[in-house]
Amino acid sequence: MSYPSVFLSNHTGYPVTGRVVYRWCRDDDYSVAPKSYWQGPPRGLCLITQVTATVKLPNRNVEAAAFTSGGSGMGNFYVTPTGAPDQFQVTTTPMMAEAPAAVESNPVDVDSTPVESKG
């Protein structure tokens, strides 16, 4: 068994950079263009504990509210506006109105059982 590669969809009109933090595995840094997506490398049995995002507005950078978990097997994440001006979040729920092309997966939350390192 292995978890799906991380698929991060940028639902903002701005470039986004960030990090996927794994429990007991090497983290992945990402960069994704506006209205586009990033797909991470295979992650084996690595659980995700955090997904961060920095949204690069024309005049400043804004830290999005991060996704955090004790250890998740989910694979799909979305950087979306919160509805407040210049505020963003990383979520597991897509914003249907402006979604870029996406890849389906079967996200599964799991407990915090220790796992093998990827790679």
C-alpha atoms as a PDB file:
ATOM      1  CA  MET A   1       0.000   0.000   0.000  1.00  0.00           C
ATOM      2  CA  SER A   2       1.129   3.550  -0.651  1.00  0.00           C
ATOM      3  CA  TYR A   3      -0.546   6.948  -0.546  1.00  0.00           C
ATOM      4  CA  PRO A   4      -1.272   9.007  -3.659  1.00  0.00           C
ATOM      5  CA  SER A   5       1.161  11.706  -4.722  1.00  0.00           C
ATOM      6  CA  VAL A   6       0.208  15.129  -3.415  1.00  0.00           C
ATOM      7  CA  PHE A   7      -1.857  17.143  -5.869  1.00  0.00           C
ATOM      8  CA  LEU A   8      -2.039  20.835  -4.982  1.00  0.00           C
ATOM      9  CA  SER A   9      -4.369  23.072  -6.977  1.00  0.00           C
ATOM     10  CA  ASN A  10      -3.930  26.857  -6.947  1.00  0.00           C
ATOM     11  CA  HIS A  11      -7.373  28.517  -7.038  1.00  0.00           C
ATOM     12  CA  THR A  12      -5.934  32.025  -6.748  1.00  0.00           C
ATOM     13  CA  GLY A  13      -4.935  34.503  -9.424  1.00  0.00           C
ATOM     14  CA  TYR A  14      -1.395  34.673  -8.026  1.00  0.00           C
ATOM     15  CA  PRO A  15       1.722  32.476  -7.912  1.00  0.00           C
ATOM     16  CA  VAL A  16       2.007  30.292  -4.804  1.00  0.00           C
ATOM     17  CA  THR A  17       5.000  28.646  -3.137  1.00  0.00           C
ATOM     18  CA  GLY A  18       5.020  26.394  -0.120  1.00  0.00           C
ATOM     19  CA  ARG A  19       6.000  23.157   1.535  1.00  0.00           C
ATOM     20  CA  VAL A  20       4.438  19.758   2.126  1.00  0.00           C
ATOM     21  CA  VAL A  21       5.639  18.479   5.513  1.00  0.00           C
ATOM     22  CA  TYR A  22       5.655  14.716   6.088  1.00  0.00           C
ATOM     23  CA  ARG A  23       5.929  12.746   9.300  1.00  0.00           C
ATOM     24  CA  TRP A  24       9.275  10.884   9.306  1.00  0.00           C
ATOM     25  CA  CYS A  25       9.983  11.685   5.634  1.00  0.00           C
ATOM     26  CA  ARG A  26      11.741  14.387   3.636  1.00  0.00           C
ATOM     27  CA  ASP A  27       9.578  17.475   2.943  1.00  0.00           C
ATOM     28  CA  ASP A  28       8.678  18.661  -0.565  1.00  0.00           C
ATOM     29  CA  ASP A  29       8.849  22.329  -1.613  1.00  0.00           C
ATOM     30  CA  TYR A  30       6.558  23.440  -4.416  1.00  0.00           C
ATOM     31  CA  SER A  31       5.855  26.389  -6.681  1.00  0.00           C
ATOM     32  CA  VAL A  32       2.669  26.693  -8.717  1.00  0.00           C
ATOM     33  CA  ALA A  33       1.426  29.293 -11.219  1.00  0.00           C
ATOM     34  CA  PRO A  34      -1.961  31.027 -10.887  1.00  0.00           C
ATOM     35  CA  LYS A  35      -4.951  28.801 -11.714  1.00  0.00           C
ATOM     36  CA  SER A  36      -2.667  25.807 -12.155  1.00  0.00           C
ATOM     37  CA  TYR A  37      -1.537  22.788 -10.138  1.00  0.00           C
ATOM     38  CA  TRP A  38       1.507  20.957  -8.817  1.00  0.00           C
ATOM     39  CA  GLN A  39       1.890  17.223  -8.426  1.00  0.00           C
ATOM     40  CA  GLY A  40       4.477  15.913  -5.991  1.00  0.00           C
ATOM     41  CA  PRO A  41       6.710  12.882  -6.366  1.00  0.00           C
ATOM     42  CA  PRO A  42       5.565   9.457  -5.151  1.00  0.00           C
ATOM     43  CA  ARG A  43       5.347   9.514  -1.346  1.00  0.00           C
ATOM     44  CA  GLY A  44       5.053   5.849  -0.465  1.00  0.00           C
ATOM     45  CA  LEU A  45       3.769   5.495   3.101  1.00  0.00           C
ATOM     46  CA  CYS A  46       4.519   9.079   4.164  1.00  0.00           C
ATOM     47  CA  LEU A  47       1.802  10.859   6.131  1.00  0.00           C
ATOM     48  CA  ILE A  48       1.256  14.601   5.717  1.00  0.00           C
ATOM     49  CA  THR A  49       1.352  16.768   8.827  1.00  0.00           C
ATOM     50  CA  GLN A  50       1.266  20.222   7.202  1.00  0.00           C
ATOM     51  CA  VAL A  51       0.847  21.980   3.861  1.00  0.00           C
ATOM     52  CA  THR A  52       1.919  25.635   3.807  1.00  0.00           C
ATOM     53  CA  ALA A  53       1.372  28.268   1.130  1.00  0.00           C
ATOM     54  CA  THR A  54       2.675  31.761   0.465  1.00  0.00           C
ATOM     55  CA  VAL A  55       0.565  33.700  -2.031  1.00  0.00           C
ATOM     56  CA  LYS A  56       2.647  36.196  -3.988  1.00  0.00           C
ATOM     57  CA  LEU A  57       0.474  39.296  -4.455  1.00  0.00           C
ATOM     58  CA  PRO A  58       1.824  42.105  -6.679  1.00  0.00           C
ATOM     59  CA  ASN A  59       2.864  44.283  -3.709  1.00  0.00           C
ATOM     60  CA  ARG A  60       3.508  41.717  -0.917  1.00  0.00           C
ATOM     61  CA  ASN A  61       3.498  38.075   0.104  1.00  0.00           C
ATOM     62  CA  VAL A  62       0.624  36.655   2.165  1.00  0.00           C
ATOM     63  CA  GLU A  63       0.914  33.506   4.295  1.00  0.00           C
ATOM     64  CA  ALA A  64      -2.175  31.338   3.788  1.00  0.00           C
ATOM     65  CA  ALA A  65      -3.712  29.472   6.714  1.00  0.00           C
ATOM     66  CA  ALA A  66      -1.928  26.112   6.554  1.00  0.00           C
ATOM     67  CA  PHE A  67      -3.460  22.632   6.476  1.00  0.00           C
ATOM     68  CA  THR A  68      -2.345  20.764   9.593  1.00  0.00           C
ATOM     69  CA  SER A  69      -2.896  17.194  10.751  1.00  0.00           C
ATOM     70  CA  GLY A  70      -1.454  14.619  13.114  1.00  0.00           C
ATOM     71  CA  GLY A  71      -0.837  12.516   9.990  1.00  0.00           C
ATOM     72  CA  SER A  72      -3.018  12.383   6.892  1.00  0.00           C
ATOM     73  CA  GLY A  73      -3.053  10.081   3.899  1.00  0.00           C
ATOM     74  CA  MET A  74      -5.057  12.621   1.876  1.00  0.00           C
ATOM     75  CA  GLY A  75      -3.589  13.594  -1.454  1.00  0.00           C
ATOM     76  CA  ASN A  76      -5.635  16.530  -2.804  1.00  0.00           C
ATOM     77  CA  PHE A  77      -5.106  20.058  -1.474  1.00  0.00           C
ATOM     78  CA  TYR A  78      -6.323  23.441  -2.651  1.00  0.00           C
ATOM     79  CA  VAL A  79      -5.084  26.985  -2.081  1.00  0.00           C
ATOM     80  CA  THR A  80      -8.232  29.120  -2.046  1.00  0.00           C
ATOM     81  CA  PRO A  81      -9.339  32.616  -1.072  1.00  0.00           C
ATOM     82  CA  THR A  82     -11.145  32.739   2.292  1.00  0.00           C
ATOM     83  CA  GLY A  83     -13.605  35.410   1.182  1.00  0.00           C
ATOM     84  CA  ALA A  84     -11.832  38.130   3.182  1.00  0.00           C
ATOM     85  CA  PRO A  85      -9.642  40.555   1.192  1.00  0.00           C
ATOM     86  CA  ASP A  86      -6.145  39.174   0.536  1.00  0.00           C
ATOM     87  CA  GLN A  87      -6.641  36.149   2.812  1.00  0.00           C
ATOM     88  CA  PHE A  88      -6.085  32.557   1.705  1.00  0.00           C
ATOM     89  CA  GLN A  89      -6.147  29.008   3.066  1.00  0.00           C
ATOM     90  CA  VAL A  90      -4.899  25.522   2.249  1.00  0.00           C
ATOM     91  CA  THR A  91      -7.842  23.150   2.360  1.00  0.00           C
ATOM     92  CA  THR A  92      -8.917  19.678   1.273  1.00  0.00           C
ATOM     93  CA  THR A  93     -12.180  21.032  -0.166  1.00  0.00           C
ATOM     94  CA  PRO A  94     -12.050  22.444  -3.705  1.00  0.00           C
ATOM     95  CA  MET A  95     -13.589  25.759  -4.613  1.00  0.00           C
ATOM     96  CA  MET A  96     -15.800  24.600  -7.464  1.00  0.00           C
ATOM     97  CA  ALA A  97     -16.269  27.936  -9.270  1.00  0.00           C
ATOM     98  CA  GLU A  98     -12.677  28.451 -10.430  1.00  0.00           C
ATOM     99  CA  ALA A  99     -11.054  25.034 -10.286  1.00  0.00           C
ATOM    100  CA  PRO A 100      -8.144  24.238 -12.615  1.00  0.00           C
ATOM    101  CA  ALA A 101      -8.058  20.789 -14.164  1.00  0.00           C
ATOM    102  CA  ALA A 102      -7.735  18.230 -11.384  1.00  0.00           C
ATOM    103  CA  VAL A 103      -6.772  14.610 -10.910  1.00  0.00           C
ATOM    104  CA  GLU A 104      -9.131  12.424  -8.860  1.00  0.00           C
ATOM    105  CA  SER A 105      -7.823  10.306  -6.018  1.00  0.00           C
ATOM    106  CA  ASN A 106      -9.262   8.485  -3.044  1.00  0.00           C
ATOM    107  CA  PRO A 107      -8.198  10.527  -0.019  1.00  0.00           C
ATOM    108  CA  VAL A 108      -8.049   8.617   3.246  1.00  0.00           C
ATOM    109  CA  ASP A 109      -7.374   9.933   6.747  1.00  0.00           C
ATOM    110  CA  VAL A 110      -5.285   7.563   8.800  1.00  0.00           C
ATOM    111  CA  ASP A 111      -4.033   7.342  12.351  1.00  0.00           C
ATOM    112  CA  SER A 112      -0.523   8.210  13.471  1.00  0.00           C
ATOM    113  CA  THR A 113       0.972   4.741  13.179  1.00  0.00           C
ATOM    114  CA  PRO A 114       4.718   4.983  12.359  1.00  0.00           C
ATOM    115  CA  VAL A 115       5.513   4.316   8.700  1.00  0.00           C
ATOM    116  CA  GLU A 116       8.528   3.691   6.529  1.00  0.00           C
ATOM    117  CA  SER A 117      10.425   6.544   4.909  1.00  0.00           C
ATOM    118  CA  LYS A 118       9.799   7.260   1.257  1.00  0.00           C
ATOM    119  CA  GLY A 119      12.443   6.615  -1.312  1.00  0.00           C
END
